[in-house]
Amino acid sequence: MKFLKSVKDEMKQVTWPNRKQLRKDTLIVIETSIIFGVMFFIMDTAIQSLFSLVLK
């Protein structure tokens, strides 16, 4: 029970983001995911083309 009480006390100290900050952070995560997805696609395509030329 001591653990649950300490969890409850810690949860009271948490500061939750407001709607504006949450929206901003969510957009940053989505934009970063899209950028990395495009970057990995370009790198994968380049490596695949390079291996295709080498193994031909």
PDB file of N, CA and C in Angstrom:
ATOM      1  N   MET A   1       0.810  -1.193   0.000  1.00  0.00           N
ATOM      2  CA  MET A   1       0.000   0.000   0.000  1.00  0.00           C
ATOM      3  C   MET A   1       0.859   1.265   0.000  1.00  0.00           C
ATOM      4  N   LYS A   2       2.042   1.144   0.535  1.00  0.00           N
ATOM      5  CA  LYS A   2       2.933   2.306   0.565  1.00  0.00           C
ATOM      6  C   LYS A   2       3.271   2.753  -0.863  1.00  0.00           C
ATOM      7  N   PHE A   3       3.458   1.748  -1.734  1.00  0.00           N
ATOM      8  CA  PHE A   3       3.769   2.054  -3.131  1.00  0.00           C
ATOM      9  C   PHE A   3       2.632   2.846  -3.786  1.00  0.00           C
ATOM     10  N   LEU A   4       1.403   2.398  -3.603  1.00  0.00           N
ATOM     11  CA  LEU A   4       0.261   3.072  -4.223  1.00  0.00           C
ATOM     12  C   LEU A   4       0.092   4.490  -3.691  1.00  0.00           C
ATOM     13  N   LYS A   5       0.359   4.674  -2.406  1.00  0.00           N
ATOM     14  CA  LYS A   5       0.274   6.020  -1.833  1.00  0.00           C
ATOM     15  C   LYS A   5       1.332   6.928  -2.445  1.00  0.00           C
ATOM     16  N   SER A   6       2.534   6.399  -2.634  1.00  0.00           N
ATOM     17  CA  SER A   6       3.588   7.227  -3.228  1.00  0.00           C
ATOM     18  C   SER A   6       3.293   7.529  -4.696  1.00  0.00           C
ATOM     19  N   VAL A   7       2.683   6.580  -5.394  1.00  0.00           N
ATOM     20  CA  VAL A   7       2.287   6.834  -6.786  1.00  0.00           C
ATOM     21  C   VAL A   7       1.243   7.943  -6.826  1.00  0.00           C
ATOM     22  N   LYS A   8       0.280   7.887  -5.931  1.00  0.00           N
ATOM     23  CA  LYS A   8      -0.765   8.911  -5.875  1.00  0.00           C
ATOM     24  C   LYS A   8      -0.158  10.290  -5.571  1.00  0.00           C
ATOM     25  N   ASP A   9       0.790  10.335  -4.651  1.00  0.00           N
ATOM     26  CA  ASP A   9       1.452  11.596  -4.318  1.00  0.00           C
ATOM     27  C   ASP A   9       2.240  12.146  -5.503  1.00  0.00           C
ATOM     28  N   GLU A  10       2.923  11.260  -6.224  1.00  0.00           N
ATOM     29  CA  GLU A  10       3.691  11.694  -7.395  1.00  0.00           C
ATOM     30  C   GLU A  10       2.769  12.213  -8.501  1.00  0.00           C
ATOM     31  N   MET A  11       1.642  11.554  -8.696  1.00  0.00           N
ATOM     32  CA  MET A  11       0.709  11.971  -9.743  1.00  0.00           C
ATOM     33  C   MET A  11       0.119  13.355  -9.451  1.00  0.00           C
ATOM     34  N   LYS A  12       0.043  13.732  -8.196  1.00  0.00           N
ATOM     35  CA  LYS A  12      -0.443  15.066  -7.843  1.00  0.00           C
ATOM     36  C   LYS A  12       0.563  16.143  -8.249  1.00  0.00           C
ATOM     37  N   GLN A  13       1.837  15.763  -8.347  1.00  0.00           N
ATOM     38  CA  GLN A  13       2.887  16.724  -8.681  1.00  0.00           C
ATOM     39  C   GLN A  13       3.104  16.881 -10.189  1.00  0.00           C
ATOM     40  N   VAL A  14       2.489  16.001 -10.966  1.00  0.00           N
ATOM     41  CA  VAL A  14       2.666  16.042 -12.420  1.00  0.00           C
ATOM     42  C   VAL A  14       1.991  17.285 -12.980  1.00  0.00           C
ATOM     43  N   THR A  15       2.685  17.971 -13.872  1.00  0.00           N
ATOM     44  CA  THR A  15       2.063  19.105 -14.567  1.00  0.00           C
ATOM     45  C   THR A  15       1.726  18.653 -15.989  1.00  0.00           C
ATOM     46  N   TRP A  16       0.461  18.630 -16.286  1.00  0.00           N
ATOM     47  CA  TRP A  16      -0.002  18.175 -17.583  1.00  0.00           C
ATOM     48  C   TRP A  16       0.012  19.344 -18.562  1.00  0.00           C
ATOM     49  N   PRO A  17       0.323  19.082 -19.840  1.00  0.00           N
ATOM     50  CA  PRO A  17       0.351  20.174 -20.821  1.00  0.00           C
ATOM     51  C   PRO A  17      -1.058  20.675 -21.117  1.00  0.00           C
ATOM     52  N   ASN A  18      -1.117  21.959 -21.467  1.00  0.00           N
ATOM     53  CA  ASN A  18      -2.417  22.494 -21.864  1.00  0.00           C
ATOM     54  C   ASN A  18      -2.684  22.115 -23.322  1.00  0.00           C
ATOM     55  N   ARG A  19      -3.853  22.458 -23.805  1.00  0.00           N
ATOM     56  CA  ARG A  19      -4.264  22.044 -25.152  1.00  0.00           C
ATOM     57  C   ARG A  19      -3.327  22.585 -26.234  1.00  0.00           C
ATOM     58  N   LYS A  20      -2.903  23.836 -26.091  1.00  0.00           N
ATOM     59  CA  LYS A  20      -2.029  24.453 -27.089  1.00  0.00           C
ATOM     60  C   LYS A  20      -0.667  23.748 -27.143  1.00  0.00           C
ATOM     61  N   GLN A  21      -0.081  23.476 -25.978  1.00  0.00           N
ATOM     62  CA  GLN A  21       1.225  22.808 -25.928  1.00  0.00           C
ATOM     63  C   GLN A  21       1.117  21.374 -26.443  1.00  0.00           C
ATOM     64  N   LEU A  22       0.029  20.703 -26.098  1.00  0.00           N
ATOM     65  CA  LEU A  22      -0.178  19.327 -26.559  1.00  0.00           C
ATOM     66  C   LEU A  22      -0.280  19.275 -28.076  1.00  0.00           C
ATOM     67  N   ARG A  23      -1.009  20.203 -28.677  1.00  0.00           N
ATOM     68  CA  ARG A  23      -1.154  20.257 -30.132  1.00  0.00           C
ATOM     69  C   ARG A  23       0.201  20.523 -30.794  1.00  0.00           C
ATOM     70  N   LYS A  24       0.968  21.457 -30.225  1.00  0.00           N
ATOM     71  CA  LYS A  24       2.279  21.795 -30.763  1.00  0.00           C
ATOM     72  C   LYS A  24       3.215  20.581 -30.709  1.00  0.00           C
ATOM     73  N   ASP A  25       3.258  19.905 -29.561  1.00  0.00           N
ATOM     74  CA  ASP A  25       4.124  18.741 -29.414  1.00  0.00           C
ATOM     75  C   ASP A  25       3.709  17.598 -30.340  1.00  0.00           C
ATOM     76  N   THR A  26       2.395  17.410 -30.507  1.00  0.00           N
ATOM     77  CA  THR A  26       1.893  16.368 -31.395  1.00  0.00           C
ATOM     78  C   THR A  26       2.300  16.648 -32.839  1.00  0.00           C
ATOM     79  N   LEU A  27       2.184  17.897 -33.267  1.00  0.00           N
ATOM     80  CA  LEU A  27       2.582  18.251 -34.634  1.00  0.00           C
ATOM     81  C   LEU A  27       4.085  18.044 -34.843  1.00  0.00           C
ATOM     82  N   ILE A  28       4.878  18.351 -33.840  1.00  0.00           N
ATOM     83  CA  ILE A  28       6.322  18.136 -33.952  1.00  0.00           C
ATOM     84  C   ILE A  28       6.626  16.652 -34.119  1.00  0.00           C
ATOM     85  N   VAL A  29       5.945  15.801 -33.359  1.00  0.00           N
ATOM     86  CA  VAL A  29       6.158  14.354 -33.473  1.00  0.00           C
ATOM     87  C   VAL A  29       5.746  13.860 -34.853  1.00  0.00           C
ATOM     88  N   ILE A  30       4.610  14.327 -35.361  1.00  0.00           N
ATOM     89  CA  ILE A  30       4.141  13.901 -36.690  1.00  0.00           C
ATOM     90  C   ILE A  30       5.102  14.377 -37.775  1.00  0.00           C
ATOM     91  N   GLU A  31       5.528  15.631 -37.696  1.00  0.00           N
ATOM     92  CA  GLU A  31       6.463  16.159 -38.698  1.00  0.00           C
ATOM     93  C   GLU A  31       7.791  15.405 -38.673  1.00  0.00           C
ATOM     94  N   THR A  32       8.303  15.139 -37.486  1.00  0.00           N
ATOM     95  CA  THR A  32       9.561  14.411 -37.364  1.00  0.00           C
ATOM     96  C   THR A  32       9.424  12.996 -37.928  1.00  0.00           C
ATOM     97  N   SER A  33       8.306  12.348 -37.658  1.00  0.00           N
ATOM     98  CA  SER A  33       8.071  11.003 -38.181  1.00  0.00           C
ATOM     99  C   SER A  33       8.029  11.000 -39.700  1.00  0.00           C
ATOM    100  N   ILE A  34       7.376  11.992 -40.282  1.00  0.00           N
ATOM    101  CA  ILE A  34       7.303  12.083 -41.748  1.00  0.00           C
ATOM    102  C   ILE A  34       8.685  12.338 -42.327  1.00  0.00           C
ATOM    103  N   ILE A  35       9.448  13.245 -41.721  1.00  0.00           N
ATOM    104  CA  ILE A  35      10.796  13.548 -42.219  1.00  0.00           C
ATOM    105  C   ILE A  35      11.679  12.313 -42.179  1.00  0.00           C
ATOM    106  N   PHE A  36      11.662  11.587 -41.043  1.00  0.00           N
ATOM    107  CA  PHE A  36      12.482  10.378 -40.956  1.00  0.00           C
ATOM    108  C   PHE A  36      11.992   9.303 -41.916  1.00  0.00           C
ATOM    109  N   GLY A  37      10.687   9.178 -42.097  1.00  0.00           N
ATOM    110  CA  GLY A  37      10.150   8.207 -43.044  1.00  0.00           C
ATOM    111  C   GLY A  37      10.625   8.481 -44.460  1.00  0.00           C
ATOM    112  N   VAL A  38      10.575   9.746 -44.877  1.00  0.00           N
ATOM    113  CA  VAL A  38      11.043  10.121 -46.218  1.00  0.00           C
ATOM    114  C   VAL A  38      12.547   9.897 -46.337  1.00  0.00           C
ATOM    115  N   MET A  39      13.285  10.262 -45.293  1.00  0.00           N
ATOM    116  CA  MET A  39      14.736  10.092 -45.311  1.00  0.00           C
ATOM    117  C   MET A  39      15.110   8.607 -45.424  1.00  0.00           C
ATOM    118  N   PHE A  40      14.451   7.742 -44.657  1.00  0.00           N
ATOM    119  CA  PHE A  40      14.740   6.311 -44.744  1.00  0.00           C
ATOM    120  C   PHE A  40      14.333   5.740 -46.088  1.00  0.00           C
ATOM    121  N   PHE A  41      13.233   6.228 -46.658  1.00  0.00           N
ATOM    122  CA  PHE A  41      12.825   5.763 -47.979  1.00  0.00           C
ATOM    123  C   PHE A  41      13.877   6.116 -49.022  1.00  0.00           C
ATOM    124  N   ILE A  42      14.384   7.347 -48.983  1.00  0.00           N
ATOM    125  CA  ILE A  42      15.408   7.781 -49.939  1.00  0.00           C
ATOM    126  C   ILE A  42      16.688   6.965 -49.756  1.00  0.00           C
ATOM    127  N   MET A  43      17.101   6.778 -48.522  1.00  0.00           N
ATOM    128  CA  MET A  43      18.316   6.004 -48.266  1.00  0.00           C
ATOM    129  C   MET A  43      18.142   4.552 -48.700  1.00  0.00           C
ATOM    130  N   ASP A  44      16.995   3.959 -48.414  1.00  0.00           N
ATOM    131  CA  ASP A  44      16.745   2.576 -48.791  1.00  0.00           C
ATOM    132  C   ASP A  44      16.742   2.417 -50.305  1.00  0.00           C
ATOM    133  N   THR A  45      16.115   3.350 -51.002  1.00  0.00           N
ATOM    134  CA  THR A  45      16.080   3.296 -52.462  1.00  0.00           C
ATOM    135  C   THR A  45      17.482   3.449 -53.050  1.00  0.00           C
ATOM    136  N   ALA A  46      18.272   4.350 -52.494  1.00  0.00           N
ATOM    137  CA  ALA A  46      19.638   4.552 -52.980  1.00  0.00           C
ATOM    138  C   ALA A  46      20.497   3.316 -52.750  1.00  0.00           C
ATOM    139  N   ILE A  47      20.401   2.727 -51.564  1.00  0.00           N
ATOM    140  CA  ILE A  47      21.192   1.525 -51.269  1.00  0.00           C
ATOM    141  C   ILE A  47      20.743   0.358 -52.141  1.00  0.00           C
ATOM    142  N   GLN A  48      19.452   0.229 -52.353  1.00  0.00           N
ATOM    143  CA  GLN A  48      18.928  -0.830 -53.203  1.00  0.00           C
ATOM    144  C   GLN A  48      19.416  -0.667 -54.636  1.00  0.00           C
ATOM    145  N   SER A  49      19.440   0.570 -55.146  1.00  0.00           N
ATOM    146  CA  SER A  49      19.930   0.811 -56.496  1.00  0.00           C
ATOM    147  C   SER A  49      21.423   0.537 -56.597  1.00  0.00           C
ATOM    148  N   LEU A  50      22.168   0.910 -55.568  1.00  0.00           N
ATOM    149  CA  LEU A  50      23.597   0.666 -55.550  1.00  0.00           C
ATOM    150  C   LEU A  50      23.898  -0.836 -55.559  1.00  0.00           C
ATOM    151  N   PHE A  51      23.223  -1.605 -54.722  1.00  0.00           N
ATOM    152  CA  PHE A  51      23.414  -3.053 -54.713  1.00  0.00           C
ATOM    153  C   PHE A  51      23.003  -3.678 -56.041  1.00  0.00           C
ATOM    154  N   SER A  52      21.957  -3.147 -56.644  1.00  0.00           N
ATOM    155  CA  SER A  52      21.505  -3.658 -57.934  1.00  0.00           C
ATOM    156  C   SER A  52      22.576  -3.458 -58.995  1.00  0.00           C
ATOM    157  N   LEU A  53      23.221  -2.278 -58.979  1.00  0.00           N
ATOM    158  CA  LEU A  53      24.290  -2.016 -59.951  1.00  0.00           C
ATOM    159  C   LEU A  53      25.517  -2.881 -59.684  1.00  0.00           C
ATOM    160  N   VAL A  54      25.869  -3.066 -58.432  1.00  0.00           N
ATOM    161  CA  VAL A  54      27.063  -3.852 -58.073  1.00  0.00           C
ATOM    162  C   VAL A  54      26.845  -5.332 -58.403  1.00  0.00           C
ATOM    163  N   LEU A  55      25.683  -5.858 -58.133  1.00  0.00           N
ATOM    164  CA  LEU A  55      25.424  -7.279 -58.339  1.00  0.00           C
ATOM    165  C   LEU A  55      25.045  -7.624 -59.763  1.00  0.00           C
ATOM    166  N   LYS A  56      24.855  -6.634 -60.603  1.00  0.00           N
ATOM    167  CA  LYS A  56      24.451  -6.872 -61.996  1.00  0.00           C
ATOM    168  C   LYS A  56      25.540  -7.462 -62.820  1.00  0.00           C
TER     169      LYS A  56
END
